PDB file of N, CA and C in Angstrom:
ATOM      1  N   MET A   1      89.988  73.242 109.064  1.00  0.00           N
ATOM      2  CA  MET A   1      90.652  74.001 110.115  1.00  0.00           C
ATOM      3  C   MET A   1      89.775  75.203 110.465  1.00  0.00           C
ATOM      4  N   ASN A   2      89.636  75.483 111.750  1.00  0.00           N
ATOM      5  CA  ASN A   2      88.863  76.642 112.173  1.00  0.00           C
ATOM      6  C   ASN A   2      89.800  77.784 112.572  1.00  0.00           C
ATOM      7  N   ARG A   3      89.225  78.943 112.892  1.00  0.00           N
ATOM      8  CA  ARG A   3      90.048  80.121 113.208  1.00  0.00           C
ATOM      9  C   ARG A   3      90.922  79.894 114.431  1.00  0.00           C
ATOM     10  N   ARG A   4      90.393  79.213 115.425  1.00  0.00           N
ATOM     11  CA  ARG A   4      91.158  78.937 116.642  1.00  0.00           C
ATOM     12  C   ARG A   4      92.412  78.134 116.314  1.00  0.00           C
ATOM     13  N   ASP A   5      92.230  77.051 115.568  1.00  0.00           N
ATOM     14  CA  ASP A   5      93.370  76.203 115.204  1.00  0.00           C
ATOM     15  C   ASP A   5      94.385  76.958 114.351  1.00  0.00           C
ATOM     16  N   ALA A   6      93.887  77.775 113.432  1.00  0.00           N
ATOM     17  CA  ALA A   6      94.780  78.544 112.563  1.00  0.00           C
ATOM     18  C   ALA A   6      95.571  79.575 113.376  1.00  0.00           C
ATOM     19  N   LEU A   7      94.925  80.219 114.341  1.00  0.00           N
ATOM     20  CA  LEU A   7      95.626  81.185 115.182  1.00  0.00           C
ATOM     21  C   LEU A   7      96.679  80.495 116.052  1.00  0.00           C
ATOM     22  N   ILE A   8      96.354  79.330 116.566  1.00  0.00           N
ATOM     23  CA  ILE A   8      97.331  78.578 117.357  1.00  0.00           C
ATOM     24  C   ILE A   8      98.523  78.202 116.486  1.00  0.00           C
ATOM     25  N   ARG A   9      98.265  77.863 115.247  1.00  0.00           N
ATOM     26  CA  ARG A   9      99.341  77.554 114.297  1.00  0.00           C
ATOM     27  C   ARG A   9     100.237  78.776 114.078  1.00  0.00           C
ATOM     28  N   VAL A  10      99.634  79.955 113.942  1.00  0.00           N
ATOM     29  CA  VAL A  10     100.394  81.192 113.766  1.00  0.00           C
ATOM     30  C   VAL A  10     101.217  81.482 115.025  1.00  0.00           C
ATOM     31  N   ILE A  11     100.615  81.310 116.194  1.00  0.00           N
ATOM     32  CA  ILE A  11     101.321  81.551 117.457  1.00  0.00           C
ATOM     33  C   ILE A  11     102.513  80.613 117.597  1.00  0.00           C
ATOM     34  N   ASP A  12     102.323  79.349 117.285  1.00  0.00           N
ATOM     35  CA  ASP A  12     103.432  78.388 117.335  1.00  0.00           C
ATOM     36  C   ASP A  12     104.549  78.792 116.378  1.00  0.00           C
ATOM     37  N   ALA A  13     104.172  79.238 115.192  1.00  0.00           N
ATOM     38  CA  ALA A  13     105.162  79.668 114.202  1.00  0.00           C
ATOM     39  C   ALA A  13     105.903  80.916 114.679  1.00  0.00           C
ATOM     40  N   LEU A  14     105.203  81.827 115.341  1.00  0.00           N
ATOM     41  CA  LEU A  14     105.853  83.028 115.859  1.00  0.00           C
ATOM     42  C   LEU A  14     106.846  82.677 116.968  1.00  0.00           C
ATOM     43  N   HIS A  15     106.492  81.719 117.823  1.00  0.00           N
ATOM     44  CA  HIS A  15     107.444  81.257 118.841  1.00  0.00           C
ATOM     45  C   HIS A  15     108.686  80.672 118.165  1.00  0.00           C
ATOM     46  N   ALA A  16     108.483  79.884 117.132  1.00  0.00           N
ATOM     47  CA  ALA A  16     109.604  79.294 116.398  1.00  0.00           C
ATOM     48  C   ALA A  16     110.430  80.381 115.724  1.00  0.00           C
ATOM     49  N   GLU A  17     109.773  81.406 115.227  1.00  0.00           N
ATOM     50  CA  GLU A  17     110.463  82.517 114.574  1.00  0.00           C
ATOM     51  C   GLU A  17     111.353  83.252 115.584  1.00  0.00           C
ATOM     52  N   ILE A  18     110.840  83.506 116.773  1.00  0.00           N
ATOM     53  CA  ILE A  18     111.623  84.167 117.820  1.00  0.00           C
ATOM     54  C   ILE A  18     112.826  83.316 118.199  1.00  0.00           C
ATOM     55  N   ASP A  19     112.605  82.009 118.370  1.00  0.00           N
ATOM     56  CA  ASP A  19     113.714  81.105 118.704  1.00  0.00           C
ATOM     57  C   ASP A  19     114.780  81.122 117.614  1.00  0.00           C
ATOM     58  N   ALA A  20     114.353  81.115 116.364  1.00  0.00           N
ATOM     59  CA  ALA A  20     115.293  81.135 115.239  1.00  0.00           C
ATOM     60  C   ALA A  20     116.063  82.458 115.189  1.00  0.00           C
ATOM     61  N   LEU A  21     115.390  83.559 115.463  1.00  0.00           N
ATOM     62  CA  LEU A  21     116.063  84.855 115.491  1.00  0.00           C
ATOM     63  C   LEU A  21     117.110  84.897 116.596  1.00  0.00           C
ATOM     64  N   LYS A  22     116.758  84.384 117.774  1.00  0.00           N
ATOM     65  CA  LYS A  22     117.705  84.365 118.899  1.00  0.00           C
ATOM     66  C   LYS A  22     118.935  83.517 118.577  1.00  0.00           C
ATOM     67  N   ALA A  23     118.736  82.432 117.835  1.00  0.00           N
ATOM     68  CA  ALA A  23     119.822  81.492 117.537  1.00  0.00           C
ATOM     69  C   ALA A  23     120.528  81.810 116.217  1.00  0.00           C
ATOM     70  N   ASN A  24     120.078  82.843 115.519  1.00  0.00           N
ATOM     71  CA  ASN A  24     120.612  83.150 114.178  1.00  0.00           C
ATOM     72  C   ASN A  24     120.500  81.940 113.251  1.00  0.00           C
ATOM     73  N   ASP A  25     119.391  81.241 113.342  1.00  0.00           N
ATOM     74  CA  ASP A  25     119.130  80.040 112.550  1.00  0.00           C
ATOM     75  C   ASP A  25     118.326  80.428 111.310  1.00  0.00           C
ATOM     76  N   VAL A  26     119.020  80.630 110.197  1.00  0.00           N
ATOM     77  CA  VAL A  26     118.374  81.100 108.972  1.00  0.00           C
ATOM     78  C   VAL A  26     117.360  80.077 108.455  1.00  0.00           C
ATOM     79  N   ASN A  27     117.728  78.794 108.447  1.00  0.00           N
ATOM     80  CA  ASN A  27     116.800  77.766 107.962  1.00  0.00           C
ATOM     81  C   ASN A  27     115.568  77.684 108.848  1.00  0.00           C
ATOM     82  N   GLY A  28     115.772  77.769 110.160  1.00  0.00           N
ATOM     83  CA  GLY A  28     114.642  77.754 111.087  1.00  0.00           C
ATOM     84  C   GLY A  28     113.752  78.966 110.905  1.00  0.00           C
ATOM     85  N   LEU A  29     114.368  80.114 110.625  1.00  0.00           N
ATOM     86  CA  LEU A  29     113.609  81.336 110.402  1.00  0.00           C
ATOM     87  C   LEU A  29     112.770  81.229 109.135  1.00  0.00           C
ATOM     88  N   GLU A  30     113.357  80.672 108.082  1.00  0.00           N
ATOM     89  CA  GLU A  30     112.605  80.486 106.834  1.00  0.00           C
ATOM     90  C   GLU A  30     111.425  79.545 107.046  1.00  0.00           C
ATOM     91  N   ARG A  31     111.651  78.453 107.764  1.00  0.00           N
ATOM     92  CA  ARG A  31     110.583  77.485 108.045  1.00  0.00           C
ATOM     93  C   ARG A  31     109.466  78.136 108.854  1.00  0.00           C
ATOM     94  N   ALA A  32     109.859  78.838 109.927  1.00  0.00           N
ATOM     95  CA  ALA A  32     108.872  79.467 110.801  1.00  0.00           C
ATOM     96  C   ALA A  32     108.073  80.532 110.055  1.00  0.00           C
ATOM     97  N   THR A  33     108.755  81.310 109.221  1.00  0.00           N
ATOM     98  CA  THR A  33     108.074  82.353 108.458  1.00  0.00           C
ATOM     99  C   THR A  33     107.092  81.737 107.466  1.00  0.00           C
ATOM    100  N   ARG A  34     107.521  80.668 106.812  1.00  0.00           N
ATOM    101  CA  ARG A  34     106.635  79.972 105.866  1.00  0.00           C
ATOM    102  C   ARG A  34     105.403  79.424 106.597  1.00  0.00           C
ATOM    103  N   ASP A  35     105.607  78.834 107.784  1.00  0.00           N
ATOM    104  CA  ASP A  35     104.487  78.302 108.568  1.00  0.00           C
ATOM    105  C   ASP A  35     103.554  79.421 109.029  1.00  0.00           C
ATOM    106  N   LYS A  36     104.148  80.542 109.437  1.00  0.00           N
ATOM    107  CA  LYS A  36     103.346  81.681 109.880  1.00  0.00           C
ATOM    108  C   LYS A  36     102.475  82.198 108.737  1.00  0.00           C
ATOM    109  N   LEU A  37     103.077  82.379 107.576  1.00  0.00           N
ATOM    110  CA  LEU A  37     102.317  82.884 106.432  1.00  0.00           C
ATOM    111  C   LEU A  37     101.226  81.916 106.009  1.00  0.00           C
ATOM    112  N   SER A  38     101.510  80.627 106.098  1.00  0.00           N
ATOM    113  CA  SER A  38     100.511  79.611 105.774  1.00  0.00           C
ATOM    114  C   SER A  38      99.333  79.694 106.747  1.00  0.00           C
ATOM    115  N   GLY A  39      99.641  79.887 108.026  1.00  0.00           N
ATOM    116  CA  GLY A  39      98.578  80.028 109.029  1.00  0.00           C
ATOM    117  C   GLY A  39      97.746  81.273 108.801  1.00  0.00           C
ATOM    118  N   ILE A  40      98.409  82.367 108.429  1.00  0.00           N
ATOM    119  CA  ILE A  40      97.687  83.613 108.156  1.00  0.00           C
ATOM    120  C   ILE A  40      96.781  83.446 106.943  1.00  0.00           C
ATOM    121  N   GLU A  41      97.274  82.748 105.917  1.00  0.00           N
ATOM    122  CA  GLU A  41      96.434  82.485 104.739  1.00  0.00           C
ATOM    123  C   GLU A  41      95.226  81.628 105.111  1.00  0.00           C
ATOM    124  N   ALA A  42      95.425  80.664 106.011  1.00  0.00           N
ATOM    125  CA  ALA A  42      94.306  79.824 106.456  1.00  0.00           C
ATOM    126  C   ALA A  42      93.261  80.659 107.183  1.00  0.00           C
ATOM    127  N   ILE A  43      93.717  81.591 108.007  1.00  0.00           N
ATOM    128  CA  ILE A  43      92.779  82.472 108.710  1.00  0.00           C
ATOM    129  C   ILE A  43      92.019  83.337 107.709  1.00  0.00           C
ATOM    130  N   ALA A  44      92.734  83.893 106.756  1.00  0.00           N
ATOM    131  CA  ALA A  44      92.099  84.752 105.748  1.00  0.00           C
ATOM    132  C   ALA A  44      91.074  83.981 104.928  1.00  0.00           C
ATOM    133  N   SER A  45      91.365  82.715 104.634  1.00  0.00           N
ATOM    134  CA  SER A  45      90.445  81.918 103.819  1.00  0.00           C
ATOM    135  C   SER A  45      89.144  81.611 104.553  1.00  0.00           C
ATOM    136  N   LEU A  46      89.174  81.708 105.879  1.00  0.00           N
ATOM    137  CA  LEU A  46      87.967  81.439 106.669  1.00  0.00           C
ATOM    138  C   LEU A  46      87.020  82.636 106.700  1.00  0.00           C
ATOM    139  N   GLY A  47      87.483  83.765 106.200  1.00  0.00           N
ATOM    140  CA  GLY A  47      86.627  84.949 106.139  1.00  0.00           C
ATOM    141  C   GLY A  47      86.557  85.668 107.477  1.00  0.00           C
ATOM    142  N   THR A  48      85.768  86.703 107.485  1.00  0.00           N
ATOM    143  CA  THR A  48      85.613  87.497 108.699  1.00  0.00           C
ATOM    144  C   THR A  48      84.292  87.148 109.352  1.00  0.00           C
ATOM    145  N   GLY A  49      84.203  87.480 110.566  1.00  0.00           N
ATOM    146  CA  GLY A  49      82.983  87.228 111.315  1.00  0.00           C
ATOM    147  C   GLY A  49      83.207  87.629 112.750  1.00  0.00           C
ATOM    148  N   PRO A  50      82.173  87.544 113.540  1.00  0.00           N
ATOM    149  CA  PRO A  50      82.338  87.927 114.942  1.00  0.00           C
ATOM    150  C   PRO A  50      83.344  87.011 115.642  1.00  0.00           C
ATOM    151  N   ALA A  51      84.180  87.627 116.448  1.00  0.00           N
ATOM    152  CA  ALA A  51      85.194  86.871 117.182  1.00  0.00           C
ATOM    153  C   ALA A  51      84.828  86.860 118.656  1.00  0.00           C
ATOM    154  N   GLY A  52      84.814  85.681 119.211  1.00  0.00           N
ATOM    155  CA  GLY A  52      84.541  85.554 120.639  1.00  0.00           C
ATOM    156  C   GLY A  52      85.775  85.888 121.451  1.00  0.00           C
ATOM    157  N   PRO A  53      85.647  85.854 122.763  1.00  0.00           N
ATOM    158  CA  PRO A  53      86.761  86.214 123.644  1.00  0.00           C
ATOM    159  C   PRO A  53      88.013  85.355 123.421  1.00  0.00           C
ATOM    160  N   GLU A  54      87.843  84.066 123.167  1.00  0.00           N
ATOM    161  CA  GLU A  54      89.004  83.200 122.971  1.00  0.00           C
ATOM    162  C   GLU A  54      89.765  83.571 121.702  1.00  0.00           C
ATOM    163  N   ILE A  55      89.047  83.843 120.630  1.00  0.00           N
ATOM    164  CA  ILE A  55      89.686  84.220 119.365  1.00  0.00           C
ATOM    165  C   ILE A  55      90.398  85.562 119.521  1.00  0.00           C
ATOM    166  N   ARG A  56      89.764  86.510 120.197  1.00  0.00           N
ATOM    167  CA  ARG A  56      90.391  87.818 120.423  1.00  0.00           C
ATOM    168  C   ARG A  56      91.674  87.665 121.242  1.00  0.00           C
ATOM    169  N   GLU A  57      91.625  86.824 122.265  1.00  0.00           N
ATOM    170  CA  GLU A  57      92.795  86.598 123.108  1.00  0.00           C
ATOM    171  C   GLU A  57      93.940  85.976 122.303  1.00  0.00           C
ATOM    172  N   LEU A  58      93.621  85.009 121.466  1.00  0.00           N
ATOM    173  CA  LEU A  58      94.643  84.385 120.626  1.00  0.00           C
ATOM    174  C   LEU A  58      95.215  85.386 119.613  1.00  0.00           C
ATOM    175  N   ALA A  59      94.357  86.203 119.038  1.00  0.00           N
ATOM    176  CA  ALA A  59      94.814  87.209 118.077  1.00  0.00           C
ATOM    177  C   ALA A  59      95.709  88.235 118.759  1.00  0.00           C
ATOM    178  N   GLU A  60      95.377  88.634 119.985  1.00  0.00           N
ATOM    179  CA  GLU A  60      96.216  89.571 120.730  1.00  0.00           C
ATOM    180  C   GLU A  60      97.572  88.956 121.056  1.00  0.00           C
ATOM    181  N   GLU A  61      97.585  87.676 121.421  1.00  0.00           N
ATOM    182  CA  GLU A  61      98.843  86.976 121.686  1.00  0.00           C
ATOM    183  C   GLU A  61      99.704  86.921 120.427  1.00  0.00           C
ATOM    184  N   ALA A  62      99.088  86.616 119.289  1.00  0.00           N
ATOM    185  CA  ALA A  62      99.819  86.591 118.019  1.00  0.00           C
ATOM    186  C   ALA A  62     100.388  87.970 117.714  1.00  0.00           C
ATOM    187  N   ASN A  63      99.622  89.003 117.966  1.00  0.00           N
ATOM    188  CA  ASN A  63     100.082  90.368 117.722  1.00  0.00           C
ATOM    189  C   ASN A  63     101.273  90.715 118.617  1.00  0.00           C
ATOM    190  N   ARG A  64     101.216  90.336 119.898  1.00  0.00           N
ATOM    191  CA  ARG A  64     102.335  90.590 120.815  1.00  0.00           C
ATOM    192  C   ARG A  64     103.594  89.864 120.353  1.00  0.00           C
ATOM    193  N   LEU A  65     103.445  88.611 119.954  1.00  0.00           N
ATOM    194  CA  LEU A  65     104.591  87.842 119.489  1.00  0.00           C
ATOM    195  C   LEU A  65     105.169  88.435 118.203  1.00  0.00           C
ATOM    196  N   ASN A  66     104.302  88.879 117.312  1.00  0.00           N
ATOM    197  CA  ASN A  66     104.760  89.504 116.078  1.00  0.00           C
ATOM    198  C   ASN A  66     105.543  90.780 116.392  1.00  0.00           C
ATOM    199  N   GLU A  67     105.074  91.542 117.371  1.00  0.00           N
ATOM    200  CA  GLU A  67     105.775  92.755 117.788  1.00  0.00           C
ATOM    201  C   GLU A  67     107.157  92.405 118.353  1.00  0.00           C
ATOM    202  N   THR A  68     107.239  91.313 119.103  1.00  0.00           N
ATOM    203  CA  THR A  68     108.527  90.851 119.633  1.00  0.00           C
ATOM    204  C   THR A  68     109.473  90.503 118.489  1.00  0.00           C
ATOM    205  N   CYS A  69     108.973  89.824 117.469  1.00  0.00           N
ATOM    206  CA  CYS A  69     109.791  89.508 116.292  1.00  0.00           C
ATOM    207  C   CYS A  69     110.287  90.780 115.629  1.00  0.00           C
ATOM    208  N   ARG A  70     109.431  91.760 115.488  1.00  0.00           N
ATOM    209  CA  ARG A  70     109.803  93.023 114.858  1.00  0.00           C
ATOM    210  C   ARG A  70     110.924  93.702 115.641  1.00  0.00           C
ATOM    211  N   ILE A  71     110.830  93.692 116.962  1.00  0.00           N
ATOM    212  CA  ILE A  71     111.856  94.306 117.804  1.00  0.00           C
ATOM    213  C   ILE A  71     113.191  93.593 117.620  1.00  0.00           C
ATOM    214  N   TYR A  72     113.178  92.253 117.622  1.00  0.00           N
ATOM    215  CA  TYR A  72     114.417  91.494 117.398  1.00  0.00           C
ATOM    216  C   TYR A  72     115.051  91.848 116.057  1.00  0.00           C
ATOM    217  N   VAL A  73     114.243  91.904 115.020  1.00  0.00           N
ATOM    218  CA  VAL A  73     114.766  92.213 113.681  1.00  0.00           C
ATOM    219  C   VAL A  73     115.362  93.623 113.659  1.00  0.00           C
ATOM    220  N   ASN A  74     114.678  94.586 114.264  1.00  0.00           N
ATOM    221  CA  ASN A  74     115.190  95.953 114.286  1.00  0.00           C
ATOM    222  C   ASN A  74     116.501  96.047 115.069  1.00  0.00           C
ATOM    223  N   LEU A  75     116.594  95.327 116.186  1.00  0.00           N
ATOM    224  CA  LEU A  75     117.841  95.326 116.957  1.00  0.00           C
ATOM    225  C   LEU A  75     118.980  94.699 116.164  1.00  0.00           C
ATOM    226  N   MET A  76     118.681  93.610 115.472  1.00  0.00           N
ATOM    227  CA  MET A  76     119.709  92.960 114.656  1.00  0.00           C
ATOM    228  C   MET A  76     120.163  93.888 113.538  1.00  0.00           C
ATOM    229  N   ALA A  77     119.246  94.574 112.899  1.00  0.00           N
ATOM    230  CA  ALA A  77     119.602  95.498 111.819  1.00  0.00           C
ATOM    231  C   ALA A  77     120.453  96.648 112.353  1.00  0.00           C
ATOM    232  N   ALA A  78     120.124  97.151 113.534  1.00  0.00           N
ATOM    233  CA  ALA A  78     120.914  98.237 114.122  1.00  0.00           C
ATOM    234  C   ALA A  78     122.327  97.756 114.454  1.00  0.00           C
ATOM    235  N   ASN A  79     122.442  96.531 114.944  1.00  0.00           N
ATOM    236  CA  ASN A  79     123.767  95.978 115.247  1.00  0.00           C
ATOM    237  C   ASN A  79     124.598  95.801 113.981  1.00  0.00           C
ATOM    238  N   VAL A  80     123.972  95.335 112.919  1.00  0.00           N
ATOM    239  CA  VAL A  80     124.694  95.172 111.650  1.00  0.00           C
ATOM    240  C   VAL A  80     125.145  96.526 111.132  1.00  0.00           C
ATOM    241  N   ARG A  81     124.267  97.510 111.181  1.00  0.00           N
ATOM    242  CA  ARG A  81     124.620  98.856 110.723  1.00  0.00           C
ATOM    243  C   ARG A  81     125.807  99.398 111.523  1.00  0.00           C
ATOM    244  N   ARG A  82     125.775  99.234 112.846  1.00  0.00           N
ATOM    245  CA  ARG A  82     126.861  99.719 113.705  1.00  0.00           C
ATOM    246  C   ARG A  82     128.172  99.011 113.366  1.00  0.00           C
ATOM    247  N   ARG A  83     128.112  97.710 113.165  1.00  0.00           N
ATOM    248  CA  ARG A  83     129.322  96.954 112.824  1.00  0.00           C
ATOM    249  C   ARG A  83     129.890  97.386 111.476  1.00  0.00           C
ATOM    250  N   LEU A  84     129.012  97.579 110.508  1.00  0.00           N
ATOM    251  CA  LEU A  84     129.477  98.019 109.185  1.00  0.00           C
ATOM    252  C   LEU A  84     130.107  99.402 109.261  1.00  0.00           C
ATOM    253  N   GLN A  85     129.506 100.279 110.037  1.00  0.00           N
ATOM    254  CA  GLN A  85     130.066 101.619 110.195  1.00  0.00           C
ATOM    255  C   GLN A  85     131.428 101.550 110.869  1.00  0.00           C
ATOM    256  N   THR A  86     131.571 100.679 111.848  1.00  0.00           N
ATOM    257  CA  THR A  86     132.861 100.508 112.519  1.00  0.00           C
ATOM    258  C   THR A  86     133.898  99.959 111.555  1.00  0.00           C
ATOM    259  N   LEU A  87     133.519  98.976 110.759  1.00  0.00           N
ATOM    260  CA  LEU A  87     134.450  98.375 109.806  1.00  0.00           C
ATOM    261  C   LEU A  87     134.907  99.355 108.732  1.00  0.00           C
ATOM    262  N   THR A  88     134.045 100.279 108.377  1.00  0.00           N
ATOM    263  CA  THR A  88     134.389 101.242 107.323  1.00  0.00           C
ATOM    264  C   THR A  88     134.975 102.526 107.884  1.00  0.00           C
ATOM    265  N   GLY A  89     135.189 102.568 109.211  1.00  0.00           N
ATOM    266  CA  GLY A  89     135.765 103.757 109.820  1.00  0.00           C
ATOM    267  C   GLY A  89     134.788 104.902 109.914  1.00  0.00           C
ATOM    268  N   ASP A  90     133.519 104.612 109.861  1.00  0.00           N
ATOM    269  CA  ASP A  90     132.479 105.642 109.877  1.00  0.00           C
ATOM    270  C   ASP A  90     131.593 105.456 111.100  1.00  0.00           C
ATOM    271  N   ALA A  91     132.215 105.152 112.247  1.00  0.00           N
ATOM    272  CA  ALA A  91     131.453 104.830 113.453  1.00  0.00           C
ATOM    273  C   ALA A  91     130.631 106.002 113.972  1.00  0.00           C
ATOM    274  N   ALA A  92     131.004 107.219 113.672  1.00  0.00           N
ATOM    275  CA  ALA A  92     130.281 108.383 114.176  1.00  0.00           C
ATOM    276  C   ALA A  92     129.230 108.883 113.202  1.00  0.00           C
ATOM    277  N   ALA A  93     128.911 108.106 112.177  1.00  0.00           N
ATOM    278  CA  ALA A  93     127.980 108.561 111.132  1.00  0.00           C
ATOM    279  C   ALA A  93     126.625 108.969 111.697  1.00  0.00           C
ATOM    280  N   GLY A  94     126.159 108.291 112.689  1.00  0.00           N
ATOM    281  CA  GLY A  94     124.848 108.616 113.243  1.00  0.00           C
ATOM    282  C   GLY A  94     124.849 109.857 114.107  1.00  0.00           C
ATOM    283  N   PHE A  95     126.054 110.347 114.486  1.00  0.00           N
ATOM    284  CA  PHE A  95     126.132 111.471 115.404  1.00  0.00           C
ATOM    285  C   PHE A  95     126.636 112.752 114.741  1.00  0.00           C
ATOM    286  N   ARG A  96     127.064 112.651 113.507  1.00  0.00           N
ATOM    287  CA  ARG A  96     127.616 113.785 112.794  1.00  0.00           C
ATOM    288  C   ARG A  96     126.482 114.661 112.268  1.00  0.00           C
ATOM    289  N   PRO A  97     126.590 115.989 112.459  1.00  0.00           N
ATOM    290  CA  PRO A  97     125.541 116.856 111.912  1.00  0.00           C
ATOM    291  C   PRO A  97     125.571 116.828 110.384  1.00  0.00           C
ATOM    292  N   MET A  98     124.423 116.938 109.812  1.00  0.00           N
ATOM    293  CA  MET A  98     124.295 116.930 108.352  1.00  0.00           C
ATOM    294  C   MET A  98     124.814 118.262 107.805  1.00  0.00           C
ATOM    295  N   LEU A  99     125.553 118.174 106.705  1.00  0.00           N
ATOM    296  CA  LEU A  99     125.997 119.385 106.035  1.00  0.00           C
ATOM    297  C   LEU A  99     124.928 119.782 105.031  1.00  0.00           C
ATOM    298  N   VAL A 100     124.494 121.002 105.112  1.00  0.00           N
ATOM    299  CA  VAL A 100     123.443 121.494 104.236  1.00  0.00           C
ATOM    300  C   VAL A 100     124.010 122.609 103.378  1.00  0.00           C
ATOM    301  N   LYS A 101     123.828 122.491 102.077  1.00  0.00           N
ATOM    302  CA  LYS A 101     124.297 123.544 101.157  1.00  0.00           C
ATOM    303  C   LYS A 101     123.258 124.655 101.109  1.00  0.00           C
ATOM    304  N   ALA A 102     123.777 125.856 101.157  1.00  0.00           N
ATOM    305  CA  ALA A 102     122.872 127.013 101.070  1.00  0.00           C
ATOM    306  C   ALA A 102     122.762 127.421  99.594  1.00  0.00           C
ATOM    307  N   TYR A 103     121.593 127.759  99.184  1.00  0.00           N
ATOM    308  CA  TYR A 103     121.362 128.217  97.818  1.00  0.00           C
ATOM    309  C   TYR A 103     120.966 129.679  97.849  1.00  0.00           C
ATOM    310  N   ALA A 104     121.584 130.449  96.981  1.00  0.00           N
ATOM    311  CA  ALA A 104     121.283 131.882  96.947  1.00  0.00           C
ATOM    312  C   ALA A 104     120.198 132.186  95.962  1.00  0.00           C
TER     313      ALA A 104
END
């Protein structure tokens, strides 16, 4: 496998990861994450070297997709936090000023 093929594998896995996140598909997310990590390991095993325009473009695409995954995960975590705060009657927790003890 060459770097181009490995990057395409990572990009495909990132697309699958985004789809799984959108669908709340835990098994699909695990599969996609495993495939992504496998692709990254394949790239790492090929070592470093000069990257031509095609490799740079593929790496930038992978980076953009990874950033999209990160945004989805952060939004999901914020929604869970908000729901938990609502369920516990602590919905204003993020807006309440912190109480600070003064020490003499």
